[in-house]
Amino acid sequence: MKKFDIFVGIVLAIIFVAIYIYLQDIDLIFHEEVLDFESIAKTMNIRNMVTTIYLGPRILDTVLEVMVVFLTVIGMKFIRSE
């Protein structure tokens, strides 16, 4: 068991070093959409940015995704009942 713990530790160390090296080359870019979501949040009086994204321009996508999941559950119940 001790050898396995050492092996897992070495693998995790290698992964963390690789992620650290990879993240050094990433540049952060400010997107103009953030300002749009901020104005939507102020207009709708929403404090959470994630909620603003879901209730703002993505509301139609969210409703359609919920409908797909709902229809899938109904379909599975129908198939299992037969």
PDB file of N, CA and C in Angstrom:
ATOM      1  N   MET A   1       0.823  -1.194   0.000  1.00  0.00           N
ATOM      2  CA  MET A   1       0.000   0.000   0.000  1.00  0.00           C
ATOM      3  C   MET A   1       0.871   1.264   0.000  1.00  0.00           C
ATOM      4  N   LYS A   2       2.015   1.180   0.630  1.00  0.00           N
ATOM      5  CA  LYS A   2       2.909   2.328   0.699  1.00  0.00           C
ATOM      6  C   LYS A   2       3.439   2.711  -0.676  1.00  0.00           C
ATOM      7  N   LYS A   3       3.737   1.714  -1.511  1.00  0.00           N
ATOM      8  CA  LYS A   3       4.229   1.984  -2.860  1.00  0.00           C
ATOM      9  C   LYS A   3       3.154   2.679  -3.691  1.00  0.00           C
ATOM     10  N   PHE A   4       1.902   2.262  -3.505  1.00  0.00           N
ATOM     11  CA  PHE A   4       0.798   2.874  -4.249  1.00  0.00           C
ATOM     12  C   PHE A   4       0.640   4.335  -3.859  1.00  0.00           C
ATOM     13  N   ASP A   5       0.745   4.648  -2.555  1.00  0.00           N
ATOM     14  CA  ASP A   5       0.637   6.037  -2.095  1.00  0.00           C
ATOM     15  C   ASP A   5       1.756   6.894  -2.682  1.00  0.00           C
ATOM     16  N   ILE A   6       2.953   6.360  -2.730  1.00  0.00           N
ATOM     17  CA  ILE A   6       4.072   7.100  -3.312  1.00  0.00           C
ATOM     18  C   ILE A   6       3.848   7.324  -4.806  1.00  0.00           C
ATOM     19  N   PHE A   7       3.365   6.296  -5.500  1.00  0.00           N
ATOM     20  CA  PHE A   7       3.093   6.415  -6.934  1.00  0.00           C
ATOM     21  C   PHE A   7       2.026   7.474  -7.201  1.00  0.00           C
ATOM     22  N   VAL A   8       0.941   7.469  -6.424  1.00  0.00           N
ATOM     23  CA  VAL A   8      -0.128   8.468  -6.597  1.00  0.00           C
ATOM     24  C   VAL A   8       0.412   9.869  -6.316  1.00  0.00           C
ATOM     25  N   GLY A   9       1.251  10.003  -5.299  1.00  0.00           N
ATOM     26  CA  GLY A   9       1.848  11.305  -4.994  1.00  0.00           C
ATOM     27  C   GLY A   9       2.715  11.823  -6.124  1.00  0.00           C
ATOM     28  N   ILE A  10       3.502  10.942  -6.717  1.00  0.00           N
ATOM     29  CA  ILE A  10       4.358  11.343  -7.836  1.00  0.00           C
ATOM     30  C   ILE A  10       3.520  11.742  -9.043  1.00  0.00           C
ATOM     31  N   VAL A  11       2.483  10.972  -9.347  1.00  0.00           N
ATOM     32  CA  VAL A  11       1.610  11.288 -10.481  1.00  0.00           C
ATOM     33  C   VAL A  11       0.923  12.628 -10.260  1.00  0.00           C
ATOM     34  N   LEU A  12       0.414  12.874  -9.045  1.00  0.00           N
ATOM     35  CA  LEU A  12      -0.235  14.153  -8.760  1.00  0.00           C
ATOM     36  C   LEU A  12       0.748  15.322  -8.859  1.00  0.00           C
ATOM     37  N   ALA A  13       1.967  15.120  -8.392  1.00  0.00           N
ATOM     38  CA  ALA A  13       2.975  16.176  -8.496  1.00  0.00           C
ATOM     39  C   ALA A  13       3.274  16.497  -9.951  1.00  0.00           C
ATOM     40  N   ILE A  14       3.392  15.472 -10.784  1.00  0.00           N
ATOM     41  CA  ILE A  14       3.646  15.689 -12.206  1.00  0.00           C
ATOM     42  C   ILE A  14       2.481  16.435 -12.854  1.00  0.00           C
ATOM     43  N   ILE A  15       1.262  16.063 -12.494  1.00  0.00           N
ATOM     44  CA  ILE A  15       0.076  16.734 -13.055  1.00  0.00           C
ATOM     45  C   ILE A  15       0.044  18.195 -12.638  1.00  0.00           C
ATOM     46  N   PHE A  16       0.322  18.487 -11.353  1.00  0.00           N
ATOM     47  CA  PHE A  16       0.308  19.871 -10.890  1.00  0.00           C
ATOM     48  C   PHE A  16       1.393  20.708 -11.560  1.00  0.00           C
ATOM     49  N   VAL A  17       2.569  20.140 -11.754  1.00  0.00           N
ATOM     50  CA  VAL A  17       3.640  20.858 -12.444  1.00  0.00           C
ATOM     51  C   VAL A  17       3.250  21.111 -13.898  1.00  0.00           C
ATOM     52  N   ALA A  18       2.660  20.128 -14.564  1.00  0.00           N
ATOM     53  CA  ALA A  18       2.240  20.306 -15.954  1.00  0.00           C
ATOM     54  C   ALA A  18       1.162  21.381 -16.061  1.00  0.00           C
ATOM     55  N   ILE A  19       0.214  21.390 -15.144  1.00  0.00           N
ATOM     56  CA  ILE A  19      -0.836  22.423 -15.164  1.00  0.00           C
ATOM     57  C   ILE A  19      -0.224  23.794 -14.918  1.00  0.00           C
ATOM     58  N   TYR A  20       0.707  23.892 -13.977  1.00  0.00           N
ATOM     59  CA  TYR A  20       1.361  25.170 -13.692  1.00  0.00           C
ATOM     60  C   TYR A  20       2.104  25.690 -14.916  1.00  0.00           C
ATOM     61  N   ILE A  21       2.827  24.823 -15.583  1.00  0.00           N
ATOM     62  CA  ILE A  21       3.558  25.229 -16.792  1.00  0.00           C
ATOM     63  C   ILE A  21       2.581  25.630 -17.898  1.00  0.00           C
ATOM     64  N   TYR A  22       1.488  24.896 -18.048  1.00  0.00           N
ATOM     65  CA  TYR A  22       0.502  25.194 -19.096  1.00  0.00           C
ATOM     66  C   TYR A  22      -0.189  26.534 -18.834  1.00  0.00           C
ATOM     67  N   LEU A  23      -0.519  26.824 -17.569  1.00  0.00           N
ATOM     68  CA  LEU A  23      -1.253  28.048 -17.257  1.00  0.00           C
ATOM     69  C   LEU A  23      -0.416  29.308 -17.395  1.00  0.00           C
ATOM     70  N   GLN A  24       0.896  29.177 -17.441  1.00  0.00           N
ATOM     71  CA  GLN A  24       1.734  30.362 -17.607  1.00  0.00           C
ATOM     72  C   GLN A  24       1.577  30.993 -18.981  1.00  0.00           C
ATOM     73  N   ASP A  25       1.209  30.220 -19.979  1.00  0.00           N
ATOM     74  CA  ASP A  25       1.080  30.730 -21.345  1.00  0.00           C
ATOM     75  C   ASP A  25      -0.305  31.295 -21.642  1.00  0.00           C
ATOM     76  N   ILE A  26      -1.234  31.207 -20.706  1.00  0.00           N
ATOM     77  CA  ILE A  26      -2.601  31.666 -20.944  1.00  0.00           C
ATOM     78  C   ILE A  26      -2.713  33.138 -20.569  1.00  0.00           C
ATOM     79  N   ASP A  27      -3.236  33.929 -21.499  1.00  0.00           N
ATOM     80  CA  ASP A  27      -3.470  35.346 -21.250  1.00  0.00           C
ATOM     81  C   ASP A  27      -4.946  35.555 -20.955  1.00  0.00           C
ATOM     82  N   LEU A  28      -5.229  36.388 -19.968  1.00  0.00           N
ATOM     83  CA  LEU A  28      -6.617  36.702 -19.655  1.00  0.00           C
ATOM     84  C   LEU A  28      -7.094  37.806 -20.585  1.00  0.00           C
ATOM     85  N   ILE A  29      -8.280  37.615 -21.141  1.00  0.00           N
ATOM     86  CA  ILE A  29      -8.849  38.573 -22.082  1.00  0.00           C
ATOM     87  C   ILE A  29     -10.162  39.072 -21.500  1.00  0.00           C
ATOM     88  N   PHE A  30     -10.332  40.380 -21.479  1.00  0.00           N
ATOM     89  CA  PHE A  30     -11.582  40.962 -20.998  1.00  0.00           C
ATOM     90  C   PHE A  30     -12.594  40.961 -22.134  1.00  0.00           C
ATOM     91  N   HIS A  31     -13.731  40.363 -21.899  1.00  0.00           N
ATOM     92  CA  HIS A  31     -14.775  40.311 -22.915  1.00  0.00           C
ATOM     93  C   HIS A  31     -15.760  41.452 -22.700  1.00  0.00           C
ATOM     94  N   GLU A  32     -16.180  42.051 -23.787  1.00  0.00           N
ATOM     95  CA  GLU A  32     -17.137  43.151 -23.727  1.00  0.00           C
ATOM     96  C   GLU A  32     -18.509  42.680 -23.250  1.00  0.00           C
ATOM     97  N   GLU A  33     -18.787  41.364 -23.382  1.00  0.00           N
ATOM     98  CA  GLU A  33     -20.087  40.848 -22.963  1.00  0.00           C
ATOM     99  C   GLU A  33     -20.310  41.011 -21.469  1.00  0.00           C
ATOM    100  N   VAL A  34     -19.224  41.100 -20.708  1.00  0.00           N
ATOM    101  CA  VAL A  34     -19.347  41.260 -19.259  1.00  0.00           C
ATOM    102  C   VAL A  34     -20.084  42.553 -18.939  1.00  0.00           C
ATOM    103  N   LEU A  35     -19.815  43.594 -19.688  1.00  0.00           N
ATOM    104  CA  LEU A  35     -20.513  44.863 -19.463  1.00  0.00           C
ATOM    105  C   LEU A  35     -21.993  44.738 -19.780  1.00  0.00           C
ATOM    106  N   ASP A  36     -22.341  43.963 -20.824  1.00  0.00           N
ATOM    107  CA  ASP A  36     -23.748  43.747 -21.153  1.00  0.00           C
ATOM    108  C   ASP A  36     -24.457  43.007 -20.025  1.00  0.00           C
ATOM    109  N   PHE A  37     -23.817  41.971 -19.500  1.00  0.00           N
ATOM    110  CA  PHE A  37     -24.426  41.217 -18.404  1.00  0.00           C
ATOM    111  C   PHE A  37     -24.534  42.056 -17.146  1.00  0.00           C
ATOM    112  N   GLU A  38     -23.571  42.946 -16.947  1.00  0.00           N
ATOM    113  CA  GLU A  38     -23.630  43.824 -15.778  1.00  0.00           C
ATOM    114  C   GLU A  38     -24.818  44.776 -15.874  1.00  0.00           C
ATOM    115  N   SER A  39     -25.064  45.308 -17.064  1.00  0.00           N
ATOM    116  CA  SER A  39     -26.218  46.205 -17.228  1.00  0.00           C
ATOM    117  C   SER A  39     -27.536  45.441 -17.096  1.00  0.00           C
ATOM    118  N   ILE A  40     -27.574  44.195 -17.585  1.00  0.00           N
ATOM    119  CA  ILE A  40     -28.769  43.367 -17.415  1.00  0.00           C
ATOM    120  C   ILE A  40     -29.013  43.097 -15.932  1.00  0.00           C
ATOM    121  N   ALA A  41     -27.945  42.816 -15.190  1.00  0.00           N
ATOM    122  CA  ALA A  41     -28.072  42.543 -13.752  1.00  0.00           C
ATOM    123  C   ALA A  41     -28.614  43.762 -13.017  1.00  0.00           C
ATOM    124  N   LYS A  42     -28.152  44.934 -13.384  1.00  0.00           N
ATOM    125  CA  LYS A  42     -28.657  46.152 -12.738  1.00  0.00           C
ATOM    126  C   LYS A  42     -30.116  46.401 -13.104  1.00  0.00           C
ATOM    127  N   THR A  43     -30.478  46.154 -14.356  1.00  0.00           N
ATOM    128  CA  THR A  43     -31.858  46.372 -14.794  1.00  0.00           C
ATOM    129  C   THR A  43     -32.823  45.414 -14.119  1.00  0.00           C
ATOM    130  N   MET A  44     -32.426  44.134 -14.024  1.00  0.00           N
ATOM    131  CA  MET A  44     -33.299  43.112 -13.444  1.00  0.00           C
ATOM    132  C   MET A  44     -33.119  42.974 -11.933  1.00  0.00           C
ATOM    133  N   ASN A  45     -32.226  43.766 -11.341  1.00  0.00           N
ATOM    134  CA  ASN A  45     -31.942  43.751  -9.905  1.00  0.00           C
ATOM    135  C   ASN A  45     -31.527  42.353  -9.438  1.00  0.00           C
ATOM    136  N   ILE A  46     -30.557  41.766 -10.150  1.00  0.00           N
ATOM    137  CA  ILE A  46     -30.039  40.441  -9.831  1.00  0.00           C
ATOM    138  C   ILE A  46     -28.615  40.605  -9.314  1.00  0.00           C
ATOM    139  N   ARG A  47     -28.300  39.951  -8.203  1.00  0.00           N
ATOM    140  CA  ARG A  47     -26.978  40.092  -7.591  1.00  0.00           C
ATOM    141  C   ARG A  47     -25.978  39.062  -8.097  1.00  0.00           C
ATOM    142  N   ASN A  48     -26.455  37.919  -8.553  1.00  0.00           N
ATOM    143  CA  ASN A  48     -25.570  36.829  -8.954  1.00  0.00           C
ATOM    144  C   ASN A  48     -25.361  36.868 -10.469  1.00  0.00           C
ATOM    145  N   MET A  49     -24.100  36.866 -10.903  1.00  0.00           N
ATOM    146  CA  MET A  49     -23.792  36.970 -12.336  1.00  0.00           C
ATOM    147  C   MET A  49     -24.233  35.733 -13.102  1.00  0.00           C
ATOM    148  N   VAL A  50     -24.127  34.547 -12.494  1.00  0.00           N
ATOM    149  CA  VAL A  50     -24.562  33.327 -13.172  1.00  0.00           C
ATOM    150  C   VAL A  50     -26.065  33.373 -13.427  1.00  0.00           C
ATOM    151  N   THR A  51     -26.814  33.829 -12.449  1.00  0.00           N
ATOM    152  CA  THR A  51     -28.267  33.969 -12.620  1.00  0.00           C
ATOM    153  C   THR A  51     -28.572  34.969 -13.721  1.00  0.00           C
ATOM    154  N   THR A  52     -27.799  36.020 -13.808  1.00  0.00           N
ATOM    155  CA  THR A  52     -27.995  37.012 -14.864  1.00  0.00           C
ATOM    156  C   THR A  52     -27.808  36.394 -16.236  1.00  0.00           C
ATOM    157  N   ILE A  53     -26.802  35.533 -16.374  1.00  0.00           N
ATOM    158  CA  ILE A  53     -26.552  34.893 -17.662  1.00  0.00           C
ATOM    159  C   ILE A  53     -27.711  33.973 -18.024  1.00  0.00           C
ATOM    160  N   TYR A  54     -28.214  33.221 -17.042  1.00  0.00           N
ATOM    161  CA  TYR A  54     -29.315  32.292 -17.336  1.00  0.00           C
ATOM    162  C   TYR A  54     -30.638  33.012 -17.550  1.00  0.00           C
ATOM    163  N   LEU A  55     -30.876  34.109 -16.848  1.00  0.00           N
ATOM    164  CA  LEU A  55     -32.139  34.822 -17.016  1.00  0.00           C
ATOM    165  C   LEU A  55     -32.093  35.865 -18.111  1.00  0.00           C
ATOM    166  N   GLY A  56     -30.917  36.198 -18.563  1.00  0.00           N
ATOM    167  CA  GLY A  56     -30.778  37.209 -19.604  1.00  0.00           C
ATOM    168  C   GLY A  56     -30.903  36.605 -20.979  1.00  0.00           C
ATOM    169  N   PRO A  57     -29.874  36.715 -21.794  1.00  0.00           N
ATOM    170  CA  PRO A  57     -29.938  36.254 -23.179  1.00  0.00           C
ATOM    171  C   PRO A  57     -30.043  34.746 -23.330  1.00  0.00           C
ATOM    172  N   ARG A  58     -29.705  33.983 -22.306  1.00  0.00           N
ATOM    173  CA  ARG A  58     -29.716  32.523 -22.419  1.00  0.00           C
ATOM    174  C   ARG A  58     -31.022  31.909 -21.924  1.00  0.00           C
ATOM    175  N   ILE A  59     -32.031  32.713 -21.653  1.00  0.00           N
ATOM    176  CA  ILE A  59     -33.271  32.180 -21.083  1.00  0.00           C
ATOM    177  C   ILE A  59     -33.926  31.178 -22.026  1.00  0.00           C
ATOM    178  N   LEU A  60     -33.921  31.456 -23.325  1.00  0.00           N
ATOM    179  CA  LEU A  60     -34.534  30.539 -24.284  1.00  0.00           C
ATOM    180  C   LEU A  60     -33.779  29.203 -24.307  1.00  0.00           C
ATOM    181  N   ASP A  61     -32.453  29.256 -24.309  1.00  0.00           N
ATOM    182  CA  ASP A  61     -31.666  28.022 -24.273  1.00  0.00           C
ATOM    183  C   ASP A  61     -31.963  27.218 -23.013  1.00  0.00           C
ATOM    184  N   THR A  62     -32.057  27.909 -21.884  1.00  0.00           N
ATOM    185  CA  THR A  62     -32.321  27.229 -20.619  1.00  0.00           C
ATOM    186  C   THR A  62     -33.685  26.557 -20.631  1.00  0.00           C
ATOM    187  N   VAL A  63     -34.691  27.236 -21.127  1.00  0.00           N
ATOM    188  CA  VAL A  63     -36.037  26.658 -21.191  1.00  0.00           C
ATOM    189  C   VAL A  63     -36.052  25.440 -22.114  1.00  0.00           C
ATOM    190  N   LEU A  64     -35.383  25.543 -23.245  1.00  0.00           N
ATOM    191  CA  LEU A  64     -35.336  24.412 -24.169  1.00  0.00           C
ATOM    192  C   LEU A  64     -34.586  23.217 -23.564  1.00  0.00           C
ATOM    193  N   GLU A  65     -33.510  23.470 -22.830  1.00  0.00           N
ATOM    194  CA  GLU A  65     -32.786  22.382 -22.181  1.00  0.00           C
ATOM    195  C   GLU A  65     -33.651  21.697 -21.126  1.00  0.00           C
ATOM    196  N   VAL A  66     -34.403  22.480 -20.367  1.00  0.00           N
ATOM    197  CA  VAL A  66     -35.306  21.903 -19.357  1.00  0.00           C
ATOM    198  C   VAL A  66     -36.380  21.068 -20.040  1.00  0.00           C
ATOM    199  N   MET A  67     -36.904  21.544 -21.170  1.00  0.00           N
ATOM    200  CA  MET A  67     -37.918  20.776 -21.894  1.00  0.00           C
ATOM    201  C   MET A  67     -37.354  19.459 -22.406  1.00  0.00           C
ATOM    202  N   VAL A  68     -36.125  19.455 -22.897  1.00  0.00           N
ATOM    203  CA  VAL A  68     -35.504  18.223 -23.385  1.00  0.00           C
ATOM    204  C   VAL A  68     -35.349  17.220 -22.248  1.00  0.00           C
ATOM    205  N   VAL A  69     -34.868  17.680 -21.094  1.00  0.00           N
ATOM    206  CA  VAL A  69     -34.716  16.773 -19.954  1.00  0.00           C
ATOM    207  C   VAL A  69     -36.078  16.249 -19.509  1.00  0.00           C
ATOM    208  N   PHE A  70     -37.071  17.112 -19.441  1.00  0.00           N
ATOM    209  CA  PHE A  70     -38.409  16.708 -19.026  1.00  0.00           C
ATOM    210  C   PHE A  70     -38.991  15.670 -19.991  1.00  0.00           C
ATOM    211  N   LEU A  71     -38.866  15.912 -21.288  1.00  0.00           N
ATOM    212  CA  LEU A  71     -39.384  14.960 -22.267  1.00  0.00           C
ATOM    213  C   LEU A  71     -38.624  13.637 -22.227  1.00  0.00           C
ATOM    214  N   THR A  72     -37.339  13.676 -21.929  1.00  0.00           N
ATOM    215  CA  THR A  72     -36.565  12.450 -21.795  1.00  0.00           C
ATOM    216  C   THR A  72     -37.057  11.628 -20.616  1.00  0.00           C
ATOM    217  N   VAL A  73     -37.314  12.270 -19.494  1.00  0.00           N
ATOM    218  CA  VAL A  73     -37.822  11.557 -18.315  1.00  0.00           C
ATOM    219  C   VAL A  73     -39.189  10.958 -18.606  1.00  0.00           C
ATOM    220  N   ILE A  74     -40.073  11.720 -19.239  1.00  0.00           N
ATOM    221  CA  ILE A  74     -41.405  11.209 -19.586  1.00  0.00           C
ATOM    222  C   ILE A  74     -41.278  10.025 -20.549  1.00  0.00           C
ATOM    223  N   GLY A  75     -40.382  10.138 -21.538  1.00  0.00           N
ATOM    224  CA  GLY A  75     -40.177   9.050 -22.491  1.00  0.00           C
ATOM    225  C   GLY A  75     -39.653   7.791 -21.825  1.00  0.00           C
ATOM    226  N   MET A  76     -38.725   7.942 -20.892  1.00  0.00           N
ATOM    227  CA  MET A  76     -38.183   6.781 -20.176  1.00  0.00           C
ATOM    228  C   MET A  76     -39.262   6.111 -19.308  1.00  0.00           C
ATOM    229  N   LYS A  77     -40.104   6.920 -18.686  1.00  0.00           N
ATOM    230  CA  LYS A  77     -41.200   6.343 -17.887  1.00  0.00           C
ATOM    231  C   LYS A  77     -42.173   5.598 -18.789  1.00  0.00           C
ATOM    232  N   PHE A  78     -42.443   6.160 -19.982  1.00  0.00           N
ATOM    233  CA  PHE A  78     -43.344   5.519 -20.913  1.00  0.00           C
ATOM    234  C   PHE A  78     -42.771   4.188 -21.397  1.00  0.00           C
ATOM    235  N   ILE A  79     -41.473   4.169 -21.712  1.00  0.00           N
ATOM    236  CA  ILE A  79     -40.834   2.937 -22.199  1.00  0.00           C
ATOM    237  C   ILE A  79     -40.807   1.873 -21.106  1.00  0.00           C
ATOM    238  N   ARG A  80     -40.530   2.267 -19.876  1.00  0.00           N
ATOM    239  CA  ARG A  80     -40.457   1.292 -18.789  1.00  0.00           C
ATOM    240  C   ARG A  80     -41.821   0.773 -18.365  1.00  0.00           C
ATOM    241  N   SER A  81     -42.866   1.527 -18.641  1.00  0.00           N
ATOM    242  CA  SER A  81     -44.203   1.078 -18.233  1.00  0.00           C
ATOM    243  C   SER A  81     -44.730  -0.031 -19.134  1.00  0.00           C
ATOM    244  N   GLU A  82     -44.188  -0.157 -20.322  1.00  0.00           N
ATOM    245  CA  GLU A  82     -44.689  -1.190 -21.255  1.00  0.00           C
ATOM    246  C   GLU A  82     -44.053  -2.532 -21.016  1.00  0.00           C
TER     247      GLU A  82
END
